[in-house]
Amino acid sequence: MHDPIPDRDRLRALEDAGFPLHSLSPEQREVLQELSTQELTLLLDLKGRLDAAEPEVQAHSEIAGGALF
């Protein structure tokens, strides 16, 4: 079964979500190009959840000096 998302669209979706693709090696980008639709969806969901939690983690880090994280 062929995956409905073209390779370049996978990379575009990751880049749009804030993944630093420019800092990855060609081999690492190739791995990301080969993600299944389910893998891509999971990765984007995790990135979104981590980004949403970032301000809270940063605030705790500043208050507690990073001792808790």
N, C-alpha and C. Protein backbone atom coordinates (compact mmCIF):
# COMPACT_ATOMS: atom_id res chain seq x y z
N MET A 1 0.84 -1.19 0.00
CA MET A 1 0.00 0.00 0.00
C MET A 1 0.88 1.25 0.00
N HIS A 2 0.59 2.18 -0.85
CA HIS A 2 1.36 3.41 -0.96
C HIS A 2 0.81 4.46 0.00
N ASP A 3 1.72 5.13 0.70
CA ASP A 3 1.32 6.16 1.65
C ASP A 3 0.88 7.41 0.88
N PRO A 4 -0.22 8.05 1.29
CA PRO A 4 -0.76 9.18 0.53
C PRO A 4 0.01 10.49 0.68
N ILE A 5 0.98 10.57 1.58
CA ILE A 5 1.70 11.82 1.79
C ILE A 5 3.04 11.76 1.05
N PRO A 6 3.25 12.63 0.06
CA PRO A 6 4.54 12.65 -0.64
C PRO A 6 5.69 13.01 0.31
N ASP A 7 6.88 12.51 0.01
CA ASP A 7 8.05 12.73 0.86
C ASP A 7 8.27 14.21 1.18
N ARG A 8 8.20 15.06 0.18
CA ARG A 8 8.48 16.48 0.42
C ARG A 8 7.44 17.10 1.34
N ASP A 9 6.20 16.59 1.29
CA ASP A 9 5.17 17.11 2.16
C ASP A 9 5.41 16.69 3.61
N ARG A 10 6.01 15.52 3.82
CA ARG A 10 6.37 15.10 5.17
C ARG A 10 7.39 16.08 5.75
N LEU A 11 8.42 16.36 4.98
CA LEU A 11 9.45 17.27 5.46
C LEU A 11 8.89 18.67 5.67
N ARG A 12 8.01 19.11 4.80
CA ARG A 12 7.39 20.42 4.94
C ARG A 12 6.57 20.49 6.22
N ALA A 13 5.80 19.44 6.51
CA ALA A 13 4.99 19.39 7.73
C ALA A 13 5.87 19.45 8.97
N LEU A 14 6.98 18.73 8.94
CA LEU A 14 7.90 18.76 10.08
C LEU A 14 8.55 20.13 10.23
N GLU A 15 8.96 20.70 9.11
CA GLU A 15 9.58 22.02 9.13
C GLU A 15 8.58 23.07 9.63
N ASP A 16 7.36 23.00 9.16
CA ASP A 16 6.31 23.93 9.60
C ASP A 16 6.04 23.82 11.09
N ALA A 17 6.23 22.62 11.64
CA ALA A 17 6.00 22.38 13.06
C ALA A 17 7.19 22.83 13.92
N GLY A 18 8.28 23.23 13.26
CA GLY A 18 9.42 23.75 14.00
C GLY A 18 10.58 22.80 14.17
N PHE A 19 10.55 21.68 13.46
CA PHE A 19 11.70 20.77 13.53
C PHE A 19 12.87 21.41 12.77
N PRO A 20 14.06 21.41 13.35
CA PRO A 20 15.22 22.05 12.71
C PRO A 20 15.86 21.16 11.65
N LEU A 21 15.16 20.98 10.55
CA LEU A 21 15.64 20.07 9.51
C LEU A 21 16.97 20.50 8.92
N HIS A 22 17.23 21.80 8.91
CA HIS A 22 18.49 22.29 8.34
C HIS A 22 19.70 21.79 9.11
N SER A 23 19.51 21.42 10.38
CA SER A 23 20.64 20.95 11.18
C SER A 23 20.82 19.44 11.12
N LEU A 24 19.95 18.76 10.39
CA LEU A 24 20.05 17.31 10.28
C LEU A 24 20.90 16.89 9.08
N SER A 25 21.48 15.72 9.21
CA SER A 25 22.26 15.19 8.09
C SER A 25 21.31 14.71 7.00
N PRO A 26 21.81 14.55 5.79
CA PRO A 26 20.96 14.00 4.71
C PRO A 26 20.37 12.64 5.09
N GLU A 27 21.14 11.83 5.79
CA GLU A 27 20.66 10.52 6.21
C GLU A 27 19.50 10.65 7.20
N GLN A 28 19.59 11.61 8.11
CA GLN A 28 18.51 11.83 9.07
C GLN A 28 17.25 12.34 8.37
N ARG A 29 17.42 13.24 7.42
CA ARG A 29 16.27 13.73 6.66
C ARG A 29 15.62 12.60 5.86
N GLU A 30 16.44 11.69 5.35
CA GLU A 30 15.90 10.55 4.61
C GLU A 30 15.02 9.68 5.52
N VAL A 31 15.45 9.48 6.75
CA VAL A 31 14.63 8.72 7.71
C VAL A 31 13.28 9.40 7.90
N LEU A 32 13.30 10.72 8.04
CA LEU A 32 12.05 11.46 8.24
C LEU A 32 11.17 11.40 6.99
N GLN A 33 11.77 11.41 5.82
CA GLN A 33 11.00 11.32 4.58
C GLN A 33 10.27 9.98 4.48
N GLU A 34 10.81 8.97 5.11
CA GLU A 34 10.25 7.63 5.01
C GLU A 34 9.24 7.30 6.11
N LEU A 35 8.91 8.29 6.96
CA LEU A 35 7.92 8.05 8.01
C LEU A 35 6.58 7.67 7.41
N SER A 36 5.89 6.76 8.05
CA SER A 36 4.53 6.45 7.62
C SER A 36 3.62 7.61 8.05
N THR A 37 2.42 7.61 7.54
CA THR A 37 1.46 8.64 7.94
C THR A 37 1.22 8.60 9.44
N GLN A 38 1.11 7.40 9.99
CA GLN A 38 0.90 7.27 11.44
C GLN A 38 2.09 7.78 12.23
N GLU A 39 3.29 7.48 11.78
CA GLU A 39 4.50 7.96 12.47
C GLU A 39 4.58 9.48 12.42
N LEU A 40 4.29 10.05 11.25
CA LEU A 40 4.33 11.50 11.10
C LEU A 40 3.30 12.16 12.01
N THR A 41 2.11 11.62 12.04
CA THR A 41 1.05 12.16 12.90
C THR A 41 1.46 12.11 14.36
N LEU A 42 2.03 10.99 14.78
CA LEU A 42 2.48 10.84 16.17
C LEU A 42 3.58 11.84 16.49
N LEU A 43 4.56 11.96 15.61
CA LEU A 43 5.67 12.88 15.84
C LEU A 43 5.19 14.32 15.93
N LEU A 44 4.29 14.72 15.04
CA LEU A 44 3.76 16.08 15.07
C LEU A 44 2.93 16.31 16.33
N ASP A 45 2.18 15.31 16.77
CA ASP A 45 1.40 15.43 17.99
C ASP A 45 2.31 15.58 19.20
N LEU A 46 3.35 14.77 19.28
CA LEU A 46 4.29 14.87 20.39
C LEU A 46 4.98 16.23 20.41
N LYS A 47 5.38 16.71 19.25
CA LYS A 47 6.03 18.02 19.16
C LYS A 47 5.09 19.11 19.65
N GLY A 48 3.84 19.04 19.24
CA GLY A 48 2.86 20.02 19.68
C GLY A 48 2.65 19.99 21.18
N ARG A 49 2.58 18.79 21.74
CA ARG A 49 2.39 18.66 23.18
C ARG A 49 3.62 19.14 23.95
N LEU A 50 4.80 18.84 23.45
CA LEU A 50 6.03 19.32 24.09
C LEU A 50 6.12 20.84 24.02
N ASP A 51 5.78 21.40 22.87
CA ASP A 51 5.80 22.86 22.72
C ASP A 51 4.80 23.51 23.66
N ALA A 52 3.63 22.90 23.83
CA ALA A 52 2.61 23.45 24.72
C ALA A 52 3.06 23.42 26.17
N ALA A 53 3.88 22.45 26.52
CA ALA A 53 4.36 22.31 27.89
C ALA A 53 5.61 23.14 28.15
N GLU A 54 6.24 23.63 27.12
CA GLU A 54 7.52 24.33 27.25
C GLU A 54 7.47 25.53 28.19
N PRO A 55 6.52 26.45 28.08
CA PRO A 55 6.54 27.59 28.99
C PRO A 55 6.46 27.18 30.46
N GLU A 56 5.68 26.16 30.77
CA GLU A 56 5.56 25.69 32.15
C GLU A 56 6.91 25.14 32.63
N VAL A 57 7.55 24.36 31.80
CA VAL A 57 8.84 23.79 32.17
C VAL A 57 9.87 24.90 32.34
N GLN A 58 9.87 25.87 31.45
CA GLN A 58 10.82 26.97 31.56
C GLN A 58 10.59 27.76 32.83
N ALA A 59 9.34 28.00 33.19
CA ALA A 59 9.03 28.76 34.40
C ALA A 59 9.54 28.00 35.63
N HIS A 60 9.31 26.69 35.69
CA HIS A 60 9.80 25.91 36.81
C HIS A 60 11.32 25.92 36.85
N SER A 61 11.92 25.86 35.71
CA SER A 61 13.37 25.86 35.62
C SER A 61 13.94 27.16 36.18
N GLU A 62 13.33 28.27 35.86
CA GLU A 62 13.81 29.56 36.33
C GLU A 62 13.60 29.70 37.84
N ILE A 63 12.46 29.21 38.33
CA ILE A 63 12.16 29.33 39.76
C ILE A 63 13.01 28.39 40.59
N ALA A 64 13.13 27.15 40.15
CA ALA A 64 13.82 26.14 40.94
C ALA A 64 15.27 25.95 40.48
N GLY A 65 15.71 26.76 39.61
CA GLY A 65 17.08 26.63 39.12
C GLY A 65 17.32 25.36 38.33
N GLY A 66 16.26 24.80 37.81
CA GLY A 66 16.39 23.58 37.01
C GLY A 66 16.57 22.33 37.85
N ALA A 67 16.48 22.43 39.17
CA ALA A 67 16.70 21.28 40.03
C ALA A 67 15.65 20.19 39.83
N LEU A 68 14.45 20.59 39.43
CA LEU A 68 13.38 19.61 39.27
C LEU A 68 13.36 18.99 37.90
N PHE A 69 14.03 19.57 36.96
CA PHE A 69 13.95 19.06 35.58
C PHE A 69 15.31 18.69 35.11
